[in-house]
C-alpha atoms as a PDB file:
ATOM      1  CA  UNK A   1      18.429 -11.548  31.420  1.00  0.00           C
ATOM      2  CA  UNK A   2      21.645 -11.232  29.131  1.00  0.00           C
ATOM      3  CA  UNK A   3      24.105  -7.966  30.235  1.00  0.00           C
ATOM      4  CA  UNK A   4      25.798  -7.920  27.371  1.00  0.00           C
ATOM      5  CA  UNK A   5      25.037  -4.141  26.456  1.00  0.00           C
ATOM      6  CA  UNK A   6      25.708  -3.211  31.034  1.00  0.00           C
ATOM      7  CA  UNK A   7      26.993   0.271  31.114  1.00  0.00           C
ATOM      8  CA  UNK A   8      26.171   1.368  27.109  1.00  0.00           C
ATOM      9  CA  UNK A   9      23.701   3.975  26.876  1.00  0.00           C
ATOM     10  CA  UNK A  10      21.372   3.232  23.463  1.00  0.00           C
ATOM     11  CA  UNK A  11      19.143   5.891  21.431  1.00  0.00           C
ATOM     12  CA  UNK A  12      16.437   4.663  19.499  1.00  0.00           C
ATOM     13  CA  UNK A  13      14.517   6.467  17.324  1.00  0.00           C
ATOM     14  CA  UNK A  14      10.900   5.698  16.306  1.00  0.00           C
ATOM     15  CA  UNK A  15      10.833   3.761  18.906  1.00  0.00           C
ATOM     16  CA  UNK A  16       7.095   4.020  20.277  1.00  0.00           C
ATOM     17  CA  UNK A  17       6.049   1.056  18.098  1.00  0.00           C
ATOM     18  CA  UNK A  18       7.126  -1.820  15.605  1.00  0.00           C
ATOM     19  CA  UNK A  19      10.445  -2.380  15.195  1.00  0.00           C
ATOM     20  CA  UNK A  20      12.030   0.452  17.267  1.00  0.00           C
ATOM     21  CA  UNK A  21      10.063  -0.268  20.090  1.00  0.00           C
ATOM     22  CA  UNK A  22      11.284  -4.062  19.711  1.00  0.00           C
ATOM     23  CA  UNK A  23      14.389  -2.609  19.791  1.00  0.00           C
ATOM     24  CA  UNK A  24      14.744  -0.611  22.587  1.00  0.00           C
ATOM     25  CA  UNK A  25      12.705  -3.348  25.236  1.00  0.00           C
ATOM     26  CA  UNK A  26      15.566  -5.431  23.581  1.00  0.00           C
ATOM     27  CA  UNK A  27      18.760  -3.468  24.543  1.00  0.00           C
ATOM     28  CA  UNK A  28      17.078  -2.483  28.014  1.00  0.00           C
ATOM     29  CA  UNK A  29      16.444  -6.053  28.673  1.00  0.00           C
ATOM     30  CA  UNK A  30      20.017  -7.015  28.024  1.00  0.00           C
ATOM     31  CA  UNK A  31      21.523  -4.085  30.349  1.00  0.00           C
ATOM     32  CA  UNK A  32      21.634  -0.934  28.036  1.00  0.00           C
ATOM     33  CA  UNK A  33      20.185   2.472  29.678  1.00  0.00           C
ATOM     34  CA  UNK A  34      18.023   3.806  26.719  1.00  0.00           C
ATOM     35  CA  UNK A  35      16.690   6.699  25.535  1.00  0.00           C
ATOM     36  CA  UNK A  36      12.908   6.217  23.500  1.00  0.00           C
ATOM     37  CA  UNK A  37      11.751   8.898  21.070  1.00  0.00           C
ATOM     38  CA  UNK A  38       8.771   9.463  19.010  1.00  0.00           C
ATOM     39  CA  UNK A  39       6.033  12.043  18.312  1.00  0.00           C
ATOM     40  CA  UNK A  40       2.963  10.091  19.704  1.00  0.00           C
ATOM     41  CA  UNK A  41       3.409  10.608  23.596  1.00  0.00           C
ATOM     42  CA  UNK A  42       0.789   7.721  24.294  1.00  0.00           C
ATOM     43  CA  UNK A  43       2.470   5.138  22.203  1.00  0.00           C
ATOM     44  CA  UNK A  44       5.595   6.154  23.486  1.00  0.00           C
ATOM     45  CA  UNK A  45       4.466   5.453  26.803  1.00  0.00           C
ATOM     46  CA  UNK A  46       3.295   1.807  25.776  1.00  0.00           C
ATOM     47  CA  UNK A  47       6.961   1.462  25.513  1.00  0.00           C
ATOM     48  CA  UNK A  48       8.316   2.588  28.516  1.00  0.00           C
ATOM     49  CA  UNK A  49       5.700   0.358  30.152  1.00  0.00           C
ATOM     50  CA  UNK A  50       6.852  -2.460  28.290  1.00  0.00           C
ATOM     51  CA  UNK A  51      10.042  -1.971  28.931  1.00  0.00           C
ATOM     52  CA  UNK A  52       9.389  -1.433  33.139  1.00  0.00           C
ATOM     53  CA  UNK A  53       7.527  -4.987  32.762  1.00  0.00           C
ATOM     54  CA  UNK A  54      10.927  -6.913  31.992  1.00  0.00           C
ATOM     55  CA  UNK A  55      12.111  -5.675  36.016  1.00  0.00           C
ATOM     56  CA  UNK A  56      14.177  -2.776  34.283  1.00  0.00           C
ATOM     57  CA  UNK A  57      14.744   0.043  36.681  1.00  0.00           C
ATOM     58  CA  UNK A  58      12.677   3.653  35.796  1.00  0.00           C
ATOM     59  CA  UNK A  59      16.314   5.587  36.072  1.00  0.00           C
ATOM     60  CA  UNK A  60      17.123   3.311  32.830  1.00  0.00           C
ATOM     61  CA  UNK A  61      14.904   4.779  30.483  1.00  0.00           C
ATOM     62  CA  UNK A  62      14.260   8.289  29.052  1.00  0.00           C
ATOM     63  CA  UNK A  63      11.417   8.406  27.037  1.00  0.00           C
ATOM     64  CA  UNK A  64      11.748  12.275  25.118  1.00  0.00           C
ATOM     65  CA  UNK A  65       8.109  12.950  23.093  1.00  0.00           C
ATOM     66  CA  UNK A  66       9.223  15.107  20.018  1.00  0.00           C
ATOM     67  CA  UNK A  67       9.752  15.597  16.685  1.00  0.00           C
ATOM     68  CA  UNK A  68      12.407  14.521  14.485  1.00  0.00           C
ATOM     69  CA  UNK A  69      12.423  16.273  12.130  1.00  0.00           C
ATOM     70  CA  UNK A  70      13.207  19.847  13.819  1.00  0.00           C
ATOM     71  CA  UNK A  71      16.958  20.638  14.589  1.00  0.00           C
ATOM     72  CA  UNK A  72      15.366  21.771  18.563  1.00  0.00           C
ATOM     73  CA  UNK A  73      13.701  18.071  18.787  1.00  0.00           C
ATOM     74  CA  UNK A  74      17.181  16.772  17.995  1.00  0.00           C
ATOM     75  CA  UNK A  75      19.103  18.521  20.166  1.00  0.00           C
ATOM     76  CA  UNK A  76      16.088  17.488  22.778  1.00  0.00           C
ATOM     77  CA  UNK A  77      17.319  14.149  22.659  1.00  0.00           C
ATOM     78  CA  UNK A  78      21.081  14.787  22.293  1.00  0.00           C
ATOM     79  CA  UNK A  79      21.249  16.871  25.310  1.00  0.00           C
ATOM     80  CA  UNK A  80      18.868  14.936  27.509  1.00  0.00           C
ATOM     81  CA  UNK A  81      20.449  11.924  27.363  1.00  0.00           C
ATOM     82  CA  UNK A  82      23.664  13.152  27.995  1.00  0.00           C
ATOM     83  CA  UNK A  83      22.182  15.245  30.890  1.00  0.00           C
ATOM     84  CA  UNK A  84      20.767  12.187  32.297  1.00  0.00           C
ATOM     85  CA  UNK A  85      22.958   9.272  31.170  1.00  0.00           C
ATOM     86  CA  UNK A  86      26.358  10.986  30.726  1.00  0.00           C
ATOM     87  CA  UNK A  87      27.188   9.413  27.598  1.00  0.00           C
ATOM     88  CA  UNK A  88      25.969   7.393  24.139  1.00  0.00           C
ATOM     89  CA  UNK A  89      26.882   4.305  22.918  1.00  0.00           C
ATOM     90  CA  UNK A  90      24.345   3.265  20.502  1.00  0.00           C
ATOM     91  CA  UNK A  91      22.395   5.539  18.026  1.00  0.00           C
ATOM     92  CA  UNK A  92      19.809   3.433  16.078  1.00  0.00           C
ATOM     93  CA  UNK A  93      18.173   5.558  13.383  1.00  0.00           C
ATOM     94  CA  UNK A  94      15.098   3.682  13.313  1.00  0.00           C
ATOM     95  CA  UNK A  95      12.503   6.736  12.891  1.00  0.00           C
ATOM     96  CA  UNK A  96      11.227   6.708   9.169  1.00  0.00           C
ATOM     97  CA  UNK A  97       8.218   7.223   7.418  1.00  0.00           C
ATOM     98  CA  UNK A  98       6.164   6.985   3.723  1.00  0.00           C
ATOM     99  CA  UNK A  99       3.577   9.371   2.766  1.00  0.00           C
ATOM    100  CA  UNK A 100       0.893   9.542  -0.290  1.00  0.00           C
ATOM    101  CA  UNK A 101       0.572  12.063  -2.925  1.00  0.00           C
ATOM    102  CA  UNK A 102      -2.748  13.876  -1.968  1.00  0.00           C
ATOM    103  CA  UNK A 103      -3.906  13.320  -5.290  1.00  0.00           C
ATOM    104  CA  UNK A 104      -3.463   9.498  -5.099  1.00  0.00           C
ATOM    105  CA  UNK A 105      -0.145  10.234  -7.934  1.00  0.00           C
ATOM    106  CA  UNK A 106       2.487   7.770  -8.392  1.00  0.00           C
ATOM    107  CA  UNK A 107       5.818   7.499 -10.060  1.00  0.00           C
ATOM    108  CA  UNK A 108       7.281  10.560 -11.613  1.00  0.00           C
ATOM    109  CA  UNK A 109       3.540  12.096 -10.966  1.00  0.00           C
ATOM    110  CA  UNK A 110       3.886  12.848  -7.285  1.00  0.00           C
ATOM    111  CA  UNK A 111       4.565  15.956  -6.139  1.00  0.00           C
ATOM    112  CA  UNK A 112       7.959  17.230  -5.088  1.00  0.00           C
ATOM    113  CA  UNK A 113       6.380  18.054  -1.847  1.00  0.00           C
ATOM    114  CA  UNK A 114       6.345  14.363  -1.125  1.00  0.00           C
ATOM    115  CA  UNK A 115       9.635  13.835  -1.670  1.00  0.00           C
ATOM    116  CA  UNK A 116      10.541  16.669   0.043  1.00  0.00           C
ATOM    117  CA  UNK A 117       8.821  15.716   3.286  1.00  0.00           C
ATOM    118  CA  UNK A 118      10.276  11.552   2.580  1.00  0.00           C
ATOM    119  CA  UNK A 119      13.555  13.137   2.370  1.00  0.00           C
ATOM    120  CA  UNK A 120      13.206  15.280   5.311  1.00  0.00           C
ATOM    121  CA  UNK A 121      12.448  12.459   7.959  1.00  0.00           C
ATOM    122  CA  UNK A 122      14.306   9.719   6.109  1.00  0.00           C
ATOM    123  CA  UNK A 123      17.311  11.382   4.880  1.00  0.00           C
ATOM    124  CA  UNK A 124      18.091  14.789   6.736  1.00  0.00           C
ATOM    125  CA  UNK A 125      17.360  13.745  10.331  1.00  0.00           C
ATOM    126  CA  UNK A 126      19.599  11.076  10.387  1.00  0.00           C
ATOM    127  CA  UNK A 127      22.809  13.102   8.496  1.00  0.00           C
ATOM    128  CA  UNK A 128      22.425  15.729  11.014  1.00  0.00           C
ATOM    129  CA  UNK A 129      21.119  13.699  14.293  1.00  0.00           C
ATOM    130  CA  UNK A 130      24.421  11.798  13.723  1.00  0.00           C
ATOM    131  CA  UNK A 131      26.277  15.091  12.913  1.00  0.00           C
ATOM    132  CA  UNK A 132      25.088  15.813  16.582  1.00  0.00           C
ATOM    133  CA  UNK A 133      25.649  12.542  18.096  1.00  0.00           C
ATOM    134  CA  UNK A 134      29.052  12.452  17.005  1.00  0.00           C
ATOM    135  CA  UNK A 135      31.086  13.690  19.459  1.00  0.00           C
ATOM    136  CA  UNK A 136      29.523  11.896  22.176  1.00  0.00           C
ATOM    137  CA  UNK A 137      29.890   8.812  20.248  1.00  0.00           C
ATOM    138  CA  UNK A 138      33.671   8.968  19.608  1.00  0.00           C
ATOM    139  CA  UNK A 139      34.189   9.033  22.859  1.00  0.00           C
ATOM    140  CA  UNK A 140      32.652   6.178  23.790  1.00  0.00           C
ATOM    141  CA  UNK A 141      33.846   4.275  20.337  1.00  0.00           C
ATOM    142  CA  UNK A 142      30.592   3.276  19.766  1.00  0.00           C
ATOM    143  CA  UNK A 143      27.903   2.354  16.948  1.00  0.00           C
ATOM    144  CA  UNK A 144      25.212   3.704  14.712  1.00  0.00           C
ATOM    145  CA  UNK A 145      22.750   1.331  13.161  1.00  0.00           C
ATOM    146  CA  UNK A 146      20.857   2.655  10.360  1.00  0.00           C
ATOM    147  CA  UNK A 147      17.285   1.021   9.357  1.00  0.00           C
ATOM    148  CA  UNK A 148      16.893   0.914   5.950  1.00  0.00           C
ATOM    149  CA  UNK A 149      14.717  -1.223   3.460  1.00  0.00           C
ATOM    150  CA  UNK A 150      14.899  -3.403   0.448  1.00  0.00           C
ATOM    151  CA  UNK A 151      12.888  -0.781  -1.278  1.00  0.00           C
ATOM    152  CA  UNK A 152      16.067   1.098  -1.887  1.00  0.00           C
ATOM    153  CA  UNK A 153      16.873  -1.359  -4.735  1.00  0.00           C
ATOM    154  CA  UNK A 154      18.185  -2.617  -6.921  1.00  0.00           C
ATOM    155  CA  UNK A 155      14.392  -3.487  -7.809  1.00  0.00           C
ATOM    156  CA  UNK A 156      12.022  -0.697  -8.989  1.00  0.00           C
ATOM    157  CA  UNK A 157       9.518   0.859  -6.645  1.00  0.00           C
ATOM    158  CA  UNK A 158       7.439   2.672  -8.856  1.00  0.00           C
ATOM    159  CA  UNK A 159       4.556   3.456  -6.169  1.00  0.00           C
ATOM    160  CA  UNK A 160       6.667   4.199  -3.475  1.00  0.00           C
ATOM    161  CA  UNK A 161       9.632   5.750  -5.627  1.00  0.00           C
ATOM    162  CA  UNK A 162      10.621   8.631  -3.345  1.00  0.00           C
ATOM    163  CA  UNK A 163      10.528   6.167   0.121  1.00  0.00           C
ATOM    164  CA  UNK A 164      12.866   3.603  -1.729  1.00  0.00           C
ATOM    165  CA  UNK A 165      14.875   6.793  -3.142  1.00  0.00           C
ATOM    166  CA  UNK A 166      15.436   7.976   0.829  1.00  0.00           C
ATOM    167  CA  UNK A 167      16.577   4.251   1.309  1.00  0.00           C
ATOM    168  CA  UNK A 168      19.104   4.333  -0.976  1.00  0.00           C
ATOM    169  CA  UNK A 169      20.632   7.722  -0.200  1.00  0.00           C
ATOM    170  CA  UNK A 170      20.330   6.242   3.417  1.00  0.00           C
ATOM    171  CA  UNK A 171      22.475   3.134   2.560  1.00  0.00           C
ATOM    172  CA  UNK A 172      25.149   5.220   0.890  1.00  0.00           C
ATOM    173  CA  UNK A 173      25.122   7.248   3.622  1.00  0.00           C
ATOM    174  CA  UNK A 174      25.732   3.999   5.704  1.00  0.00           C
ATOM    175  CA  UNK A 175      28.829   3.372   3.538  1.00  0.00           C
ATOM    176  CA  UNK A 176      30.521   6.590   3.458  1.00  0.00           C
ATOM    177  CA  UNK A 177      29.805   7.558   6.976  1.00  0.00           C
ATOM    178  CA  UNK A 178      31.266   4.247   8.508  1.00  0.00           C
ATOM    179  CA  UNK A 179      34.599   5.009   6.366  1.00  0.00           C
ATOM    180  CA  UNK A 180      34.502   8.432   7.679  1.00  0.00           C
ATOM    181  CA  UNK A 181      34.265   7.364  10.954  1.00  0.00           C
ATOM    182  CA  UNK A 182      35.999   4.164  11.839  1.00  0.00           C
ATOM    183  CA  UNK A 183      39.044   6.292  12.350  1.00  0.00           C
ATOM    184  CA  UNK A 184      37.489   7.598  15.136  1.00  0.00           C
ATOM    185  CA  UNK A 185      36.353   3.997  16.686  1.00  0.00           C
ATOM    186  CA  UNK A 186      32.727   4.618  15.713  1.00  0.00           C
ATOM    187  CA  UNK A 187      31.372   1.842  13.455  1.00  0.00           C
ATOM    188  CA  UNK A 188      28.397   2.246  10.839  1.00  0.00           C
ATOM    189  CA  UNK A 189      25.940  -0.581   9.819  1.00  0.00           C
ATOM    190  CA  UNK A 190      22.786  -1.089   8.929  1.00  0.00           C
ATOM    191  CA  UNK A 191      19.584  -3.193   8.660  1.00  0.00           C
ATOM    192  CA  UNK A 192      17.120  -3.752   5.577  1.00  0.00           C
ATOM    193  CA  UNK A 193      14.008  -5.177   6.291  1.00  0.00           C
ATOM    194  CA  UNK A 194      11.259  -6.800   3.832  1.00  0.00           C
ATOM    195  CA  UNK A 195       7.807  -6.669   4.791  1.00  0.00           C
ATOM    196  CA  UNK A 196       7.515  -6.543   8.761  1.00  0.00           C
ATOM    197  CA  UNK A 197       4.415  -6.429  10.332  1.00  0.00           C
ATOM    198  CA  UNK A 198       4.527  -2.724  12.430  1.00  0.00           C
ATOM    199  CA  UNK A 199       2.144   0.615  12.706  1.00  0.00           C
ATOM    200  CA  UNK A 200       3.797   1.592   9.432  1.00  0.00           C
ATOM    201  CA  UNK A 201       0.709   1.043   6.980  1.00  0.00           C
ATOM    202  CA  UNK A 202      -1.670   2.979   9.276  1.00  0.00           C
ATOM    203  CA  UNK A 203       1.161   6.018   9.774  1.00  0.00           C
ATOM    204  CA  UNK A 204       0.800   6.058   6.098  1.00  0.00           C
ATOM    205  CA  UNK A 205      -2.784   6.724   6.333  1.00  0.00           C
ATOM    206  CA  UNK A 206      -3.922   2.926   5.317  1.00  0.00           C
ATOM    207  CA  UNK A 207      -7.693   1.907   6.385  1.00  0.00           C
ATOM    208  CA  UNK A 208      -7.792   0.311   9.209  1.00  0.00           C
ATOM    209  CA  UNK A 209      -7.009  -3.696   8.492  1.00  0.00           C
ATOM    210  CA  UNK A 210      -5.405  -2.478   4.649  1.00  0.00           C
ATOM    211  CA  UNK A 211      -1.978  -3.569   6.215  1.00  0.00           C
ATOM    212  CA  UNK A 212      -3.284  -6.901   7.770  1.00  0.00           C
ATOM    213  CA  UNK A 213      -4.570  -7.774   3.899  1.00  0.00           C
ATOM    214  CA  UNK A 214      -1.555  -6.615   2.304  1.00  0.00           C
ATOM    215  CA  UNK A 215       0.605  -9.113   4.865  1.00  0.00           C
ATOM    216  CA  UNK A 216      -1.560 -11.836   4.441  1.00  0.00           C
ATOM    217  CA  UNK A 217      -1.422 -11.573   0.576  1.00  0.00           C
ATOM    218  CA  UNK A 218       2.416 -11.444   0.559  1.00  0.00           C
ATOM    219  CA  UNK A 219       2.485 -14.592   3.063  1.00  0.00           C
ATOM    220  CA  UNK A 220       0.621 -16.431   0.506  1.00  0.00           C
ATOM    221  CA  UNK A 221       2.423 -15.765  -2.779  1.00  0.00           C
ATOM    222  CA  UNK A 222       6.270 -17.387  -2.030  1.00  0.00           C
ATOM    223  CA  UNK A 223       6.773 -14.993  -5.063  1.00  0.00           C
ATOM    224  CA  UNK A 224       6.803 -12.250  -2.569  1.00  0.00           C
ATOM    225  CA  UNK A 225       8.089 -13.322   0.917  1.00  0.00           C
ATOM    226  CA  UNK A 226       9.686 -17.187  -0.014  1.00  0.00           C
ATOM    227  CA  UNK A 227       9.629 -18.317   3.478  1.00  0.00           C
ATOM    228  CA  UNK A 228       5.450 -17.763   3.803  1.00  0.00           C
ATOM    229  CA  UNK A 229       5.811 -15.244   6.658  1.00  0.00           C
ATOM    230  CA  UNK A 230       5.924 -11.621   7.490  1.00  0.00           C
ATOM    231  CA  UNK A 231       9.005 -10.660   9.580  1.00  0.00           C
ATOM    232  CA  UNK A 232       8.347  -9.812  13.423  1.00  0.00           C
ATOM    233  CA  UNK A 233       9.954  -6.457  14.633  1.00  0.00           C
ATOM    234  CA  UNK A 234      11.822  -8.412  17.432  1.00  0.00           C
ATOM    235  CA  UNK A 235      13.770 -10.687  14.367  1.00  0.00           C
ATOM    236  CA  UNK A 236      14.774  -7.297  13.166  1.00  0.00           C
ATOM    237  CA  UNK A 237      15.847  -5.913  16.589  1.00  0.00           C
ATOM    238  CA  UNK A 238      18.129  -9.104  17.611  1.00  0.00           C
ATOM    239  CA  UNK A 239      19.535  -7.683  14.009  1.00  0.00           C
ATOM    240  CA  UNK A 240      20.341  -4.404  15.112  1.00  0.00           C
ATOM    241  CA  UNK A 241      21.127  -5.795  18.725  1.00  0.00           C
ATOM    242  CA  UNK A 242      23.612  -8.155  16.631  1.00  0.00           C
ATOM    243  CA  UNK A 243      25.122  -4.918  15.114  1.00  0.00           C
ATOM    244  CA  UNK A 244      25.462  -2.998  18.444  1.00  0.00           C
ATOM    245  CA  UNK A 245      27.407  -5.981  20.045  1.00  0.00           C
ATOM    246  CA  UNK A 246      31.292  -5.281  18.755  1.00  0.00           C
ATOM    247  CA  UNK A 247      32.094  -8.399  20.497  1.00  0.00           C
ATOM    248  CA  UNK A 248      29.933 -10.546  17.969  1.00  0.00           C
ATOM    249  CA  UNK A 249      30.125  -8.186  15.045  1.00  0.00           C
ATOM    250  CA  UNK A 250      33.480  -6.123  15.317  1.00  0.00           C
ATOM    251  CA  UNK A 251      34.529  -6.804  11.714  1.00  0.00           C
ATOM    252  CA  UNK A 252      31.555  -5.424  10.253  1.00  0.00           C
ATOM    253  CA  UNK A 253      32.361  -1.985   8.703  1.00  0.00           C
ATOM    254  CA  UNK A 254      29.315  -0.031   6.535  1.00  0.00           C
ATOM    255  CA  UNK A 255      27.108  -3.116   5.651  1.00  0.00           C
ATOM    256  CA  UNK A 256      23.731  -3.466   5.141  1.00  0.00           C
ATOM    257  CA  UNK A 257      22.133  -6.928   6.325  1.00  0.00           C
ATOM    258  CA  UNK A 258      19.133  -7.832   4.494  1.00  0.00           C
ATOM    259  CA  UNK A 259      16.056  -9.742   6.753  1.00  0.00           C
ATOM    260  CA  UNK A 260      13.318  -9.936   3.657  1.00  0.00           C
ATOM    261  CA  UNK A 261      12.564 -13.669   4.100  1.00  0.00           C
ATOM    262  CA  UNK A 262      14.222 -13.936   0.806  1.00  0.00           C
ATOM    263  CA  UNK A 263      12.039 -11.748  -1.370  1.00  0.00           C
ATOM    264  CA  UNK A 264      15.262  -9.825  -2.978  1.00  0.00           C
ATOM    265  CA  UNK A 265      16.586 -13.483  -3.986  1.00  0.00           C
ATOM    266  CA  UNK A 266      13.528 -14.308  -6.412  1.00  0.00           C
ATOM    267  CA  UNK A 267      12.188 -13.753  -9.790  1.00  0.00           C
ATOM    268  CA  UNK A 268       8.728 -14.248 -10.820  1.00  0.00           C
ATOM    269  CA  UNK A 269       9.865 -17.454 -13.200  1.00  0.00           C
ATOM    270  CA  UNK A 270      10.909 -18.965  -9.814  1.00  0.00           C
ATOM    271  CA  UNK A 271       8.824 -18.511  -7.705  1.00  0.00           C
ATOM    272  CA  UNK A 272       6.628 -20.985  -8.764  1.00  0.00           C
ATOM    273  CA  UNK A 273       6.789 -25.042  -8.440  1.00  0.00           C
ATOM    274  CA  UNK A 274       8.009 -26.417 -11.749  1.00  0.00           C
ATOM    275  CA  UNK A 275       6.419 -29.554 -11.155  1.00  0.00           C
ATOM    276  CA  UNK A 276       2.422 -28.005  -9.976  1.00  0.00           C
ATOM    277  CA  UNK A 277       3.205 -26.042 -13.934  1.00  0.00           C
ATOM    278  CA  UNK A 278       3.923 -29.321 -15.796  1.00  0.00           C
ATOM    279  CA  UNK A 279       1.098 -31.165 -13.818  1.00  0.00           C
ATOM    280  CA  UNK A 280      -1.330 -28.427 -15.131  1.00  0.00           C
ATOM    281  CA  UNK A 281      -0.504 -28.679 -18.752  1.00  0.00           C
END
């Protein structure tokens, strides 16, 4: 196992599943002490056990089941991390959510309560958690990595408009906080995943198997994912680890690395093979 994060302490939000879990496991395997957190205690325990199976000491893992959207939950995360590990070097703001309108409305007809819920977890909680972590990150000359999404644009997202808006706001927060904090030695960057195989669909309320069906469709249509495969959580985790490693990414400030299998590079007219079109005429 690599030891590049030995002596470092990482807090990874939304680490009970998907990208957050893969990131927490990877950072722990590469030497970091990690605080993992999520609302589902059972899934969080699964993450902890996966870390321990790698031969990591239980002393190097702190699991906190809490609601990140609350000030109380955030205070518990920061205070418990400092109390147990004594420092904070890496903050990974991964937790995020999307919610459907109760009446199935989309676009501008979605109830504003959906907007409020999404912005609370996807944007406000990141701002306030960053504020609470700032002191310790400055002391450590640390790193912040935000997990955004290609849903931020510039392509429109009428079906998930508020989600896209929250991620666009997060991108601006990444840029602005990066310039604000680099004067104190703290780097801020982000990663913008495309379609990734996680439990996100189920968390949104999709019926069992629906997310897999969505994934199969995306993979079979190159105008959706040109490389032909959904992303894996570990692929995004590797980018997060790269951005957390100052030896490898020291000159990257306030940027977002897009990891989407080419999805944002194609237009409909470019997504089909011209020779196949000509042969069909």
